[in-house]
Amino acid sequence: MNQSGLKNMVVLKNLPSNIVEEAILILKANSKIMQNEKIENKKTEGNDKVKNNKENDYILKEAEMLISNYITRIEKRKKEKNEIQKKIDFKCKNLKRVVMVMGIIILIETVVLLIR
């Protein structure tokens, strides 16, 4: 299967929201952003349009909040995994040192016992 034609998608389910049941995110291809881009909302006039915009804005804000919370949870997990891995590496180095010292002590004791 040719994966170059596939899009990067993330499906978010079981979200803590009263409005959004499921969210599907389609990610852009790997591209570097040179400058921060601002997205400006255009204000429209008219009562029907204003009411629809308020409802749509509420839904969009809810979706943005859910997505940002999801991304922060992922980043938090990565940070916790890195911290745990550092602790494990530190303990492994200490264990290697202790084993080496114990090996040297055992070697010296066996040489002393053989000499007697």
C-alpha atoms as a PDB file:
ATOM      1  CA  MET A   1       0.000   0.000   0.000  1.00  0.00           C
ATOM      2  CA  ASN A   2       1.313   3.396  -0.974  1.00  0.00           C
ATOM      3  CA  GLN A   3       1.393   5.503   2.170  1.00  0.00           C
ATOM      4  CA  SER A   4       2.376   8.722   0.453  1.00  0.00           C
ATOM      5  CA  GLY A   5      -1.248   9.275  -0.580  1.00  0.00           C
ATOM      6  CA  LEU A   6      -2.593   8.769   2.940  1.00  0.00           C
ATOM      7  CA  LYS A   7      -3.274  11.670   5.244  1.00  0.00           C
ATOM      8  CA  ASN A   8      -2.117  11.921   8.821  1.00  0.00           C
ATOM      9  CA  MET A   9      -5.320  11.573  10.821  1.00  0.00           C
ATOM     10  CA  VAL A  10      -6.092  11.442  14.522  1.00  0.00           C
ATOM     11  CA  VAL A  11      -9.497  10.360  15.816  1.00  0.00           C
ATOM     12  CA  LEU A  12     -10.404  11.518  19.314  1.00  0.00           C
ATOM     13  CA  LYS A  13     -13.180   9.572  21.028  1.00  0.00           C
ATOM     14  CA  ASN A  14     -14.692   9.550  24.530  1.00  0.00           C
ATOM     15  CA  LEU A  15     -14.085  13.254  24.961  1.00  0.00           C
ATOM     16  CA  PRO A  16     -15.195  15.034  28.145  1.00  0.00           C
ATOM     17  CA  SER A  17     -17.674  17.251  26.344  1.00  0.00           C
ATOM     18  CA  ASN A  18     -21.424  17.653  26.203  1.00  0.00           C
ATOM     19  CA  ILE A  19     -21.350  18.813  22.600  1.00  0.00           C
ATOM     20  CA  VAL A  20     -18.535  16.985  20.841  1.00  0.00           C
ATOM     21  CA  GLU A  21     -18.792  13.216  20.697  1.00  0.00           C
ATOM     22  CA  GLU A  22     -15.929  12.466  18.362  1.00  0.00           C
ATOM     23  CA  ALA A  23     -13.282  14.622  16.708  1.00  0.00           C
ATOM     24  CA  ILE A  24     -11.291  13.816  13.591  1.00  0.00           C
ATOM     25  CA  LEU A  25      -8.111  15.812  13.041  1.00  0.00           C
ATOM     26  CA  ILE A  26      -6.398  15.827   9.681  1.00  0.00           C
ATOM     27  CA  LEU A  27      -2.810  16.977  10.046  1.00  0.00           C
ATOM     28  CA  LYS A  28      -0.877  18.840   7.399  1.00  0.00           C
ATOM     29  CA  ALA A  29       2.148  17.310   5.764  1.00  0.00           C
ATOM     30  CA  ASN A  30       5.482  17.976   7.417  1.00  0.00           C
ATOM     31  CA  SER A  31       6.155  21.613   6.686  1.00  0.00           C
ATOM     32  CA  LYS A  32       8.196  24.202   8.464  1.00  0.00           C
ATOM     33  CA  ILE A  33       6.563  27.432   9.551  1.00  0.00           C
ATOM     34  CA  MET A  34       8.753  30.423   8.902  1.00  0.00           C
ATOM     35  CA  GLN A  35       6.621  33.042  10.659  1.00  0.00           C
ATOM     36  CA  ASN A  36       3.657  33.001  12.987  1.00  0.00           C
ATOM     37  CA  GLU A  37       0.474  33.437  11.036  1.00  0.00           C
ATOM     38  CA  LYS A  38      -2.561  35.154  12.496  1.00  0.00           C
ATOM     39  CA  ILE A  39      -6.038  33.941  11.744  1.00  0.00           C
ATOM     40  CA  GLU A  40      -8.565  36.713  11.934  1.00  0.00           C
ATOM     41  CA  ASN A  41     -12.301  36.178  12.186  1.00  0.00           C
ATOM     42  CA  LYS A  42     -14.406  38.296   9.904  1.00  0.00           C
ATOM     43  CA  LYS A  43     -17.378  39.861  11.654  1.00  0.00           C
ATOM     44  CA  THR A  44     -20.640  39.586   9.731  1.00  0.00           C
ATOM     45  CA  GLU A  45     -23.750  41.622  10.285  1.00  0.00           C
ATOM     46  CA  GLY A  46     -27.329  40.477  10.590  1.00  0.00           C
ATOM     47  CA  ASN A  47     -29.203  38.855  13.476  1.00  0.00           C
ATOM     48  CA  ASP A  48     -29.396  35.362  11.973  1.00  0.00           C
ATOM     49  CA  LYS A  49     -25.763  35.363  11.032  1.00  0.00           C
ATOM     50  CA  VAL A  50     -24.711  36.705  14.442  1.00  0.00           C
ATOM     51  CA  LYS A  51     -26.699  33.984  16.245  1.00  0.00           C
ATOM     52  CA  ASN A  52     -25.241  31.291  14.005  1.00  0.00           C
ATOM     53  CA  ASN A  53     -21.763  32.717  14.504  1.00  0.00           C
ATOM     54  CA  LYS A  54     -22.188  32.687  18.278  1.00  0.00           C
ATOM     55  CA  GLU A  55     -23.302  29.055  18.204  1.00  0.00           C
ATOM     56  CA  ASN A  56     -20.534  28.116  15.786  1.00  0.00           C
ATOM     57  CA  ASP A  57     -17.991  30.047  17.817  1.00  0.00           C
ATOM     58  CA  TYR A  58     -19.064  28.182  20.952  1.00  0.00           C
ATOM     59  CA  ILE A  59     -18.728  24.853  19.175  1.00  0.00           C
ATOM     60  CA  LEU A  60     -15.365  25.827  17.697  1.00  0.00           C
ATOM     61  CA  LYS A  61     -14.077  27.038  21.067  1.00  0.00           C
ATOM     62  CA  GLU A  62     -15.215  23.777  22.646  1.00  0.00           C
ATOM     63  CA  ALA A  63     -13.418  21.777  19.957  1.00  0.00           C
ATOM     64  CA  GLU A  64     -10.278  23.901  20.272  1.00  0.00           C
ATOM     65  CA  MET A  65     -10.291  23.426  24.032  1.00  0.00           C
ATOM     66  CA  LEU A  66     -10.659  19.652  23.698  1.00  0.00           C
ATOM     67  CA  ILE A  67      -7.862  19.418  21.169  1.00  0.00           C
ATOM     68  CA  SER A  68      -5.508  21.604  23.202  1.00  0.00           C
ATOM     69  CA  ASN A  69      -6.211  19.536  26.329  1.00  0.00           C
ATOM     70  CA  TYR A  70      -5.527  16.357  24.373  1.00  0.00           C
ATOM     71  CA  ILE A  71      -2.222  17.704  23.055  1.00  0.00           C
ATOM     72  CA  THR A  72      -1.110  18.888  26.511  1.00  0.00           C
ATOM     73  CA  ARG A  73      -1.883  15.448  27.946  1.00  0.00           C
ATOM     74  CA  ILE A  74       0.262  13.826  25.243  1.00  0.00           C
ATOM     75  CA  GLU A  75       3.134  16.232  25.916  1.00  0.00           C
ATOM     76  CA  LYS A  76       2.799  15.644  29.650  1.00  0.00           C
ATOM     77  CA  ARG A  77       3.032  11.885  29.146  1.00  0.00           C
ATOM     78  CA  LYS A  78       6.156  12.290  27.019  1.00  0.00           C
ATOM     79  CA  LYS A  79       7.754  14.471  29.680  1.00  0.00           C
ATOM     80  CA  GLU A  80       6.891  11.935  32.406  1.00  0.00           C
ATOM     81  CA  LYS A  81       8.312   9.087  30.307  1.00  0.00           C
ATOM     82  CA  ASN A  82      11.548  11.028  29.814  1.00  0.00           C
ATOM     83  CA  GLU A  83      11.835  11.679  33.554  1.00  0.00           C
ATOM     84  CA  ILE A  84      11.195   8.010  34.364  1.00  0.00           C
ATOM     85  CA  GLN A  85      13.753   6.927  31.763  1.00  0.00           C
ATOM     86  CA  LYS A  86      16.354   9.268  33.283  1.00  0.00           C
ATOM     87  CA  LYS A  87      15.717   7.798  36.733  1.00  0.00           C
ATOM     88  CA  ILE A  88      16.041   4.261  35.366  1.00  0.00           C
ATOM     89  CA  ASP A  89      19.312   5.128  33.602  1.00  0.00           C
ATOM     90  CA  PHE A  90      20.696   6.665  36.804  1.00  0.00           C
ATOM     91  CA  LYS A  91      19.759   3.583  38.843  1.00  0.00           C
ATOM     92  CA  CYS A  92      21.276   1.307  36.189  1.00  0.00           C
ATOM     93  CA  LYS A  93      24.598   3.184  36.314  1.00  0.00           C
ATOM     94  CA  ASN A  94      24.646   2.997  40.110  1.00  0.00           C
ATOM     95  CA  LEU A  95      23.891  -0.728  40.000  1.00  0.00           C
ATOM     96  CA  LYS A  96      26.756  -1.303  37.554  1.00  0.00           C
ATOM     97  CA  ARG A  97      29.135   0.536  39.882  1.00  0.00           C
ATOM     98  CA  VAL A  98      27.994  -1.476  42.895  1.00  0.00           C
ATOM     99  CA  VAL A  99      28.381  -4.760  40.993  1.00  0.00           C
ATOM    100  CA  MET A 100      31.886  -3.804  39.892  1.00  0.00           C
ATOM    101  CA  VAL A 101      32.925  -2.889  43.452  1.00  0.00           C
ATOM    102  CA  MET A 102      31.423  -6.127  44.825  1.00  0.00           C
ATOM    103  CA  GLY A 103      33.226  -8.135  42.128  1.00  0.00           C
ATOM    104  CA  ILE A 104      36.546  -6.532  43.021  1.00  0.00           C
ATOM    105  CA  ILE A 105      35.968  -7.209  46.737  1.00  0.00           C
ATOM    106  CA  ILE A 106      35.103 -10.857  46.049  1.00  0.00           C
ATOM    107  CA  LEU A 107      38.197 -11.239  43.855  1.00  0.00           C
ATOM    108  CA  ILE A 108      40.441  -9.782  46.587  1.00  0.00           C
ATOM    109  CA  GLU A 109      38.873 -12.063  49.236  1.00  0.00           C
ATOM    110  CA  THR A 110      39.398 -15.168  47.094  1.00  0.00           C
ATOM    111  CA  VAL A 111      43.041 -14.237  46.503  1.00  0.00           C
ATOM    112  CA  VAL A 112      43.541 -13.700  50.249  1.00  0.00           C
ATOM    113  CA  LEU A 113      41.896 -17.045  51.067  1.00  0.00           C
ATOM    114  CA  LEU A 114      44.054 -18.879  48.498  1.00  0.00           C
ATOM    115  CA  ILE A 115      47.254 -17.361  49.880  1.00  0.00           C
ATOM    116  CA  ARG A 116      46.478 -18.515  53.470  1.00  0.00           C
END
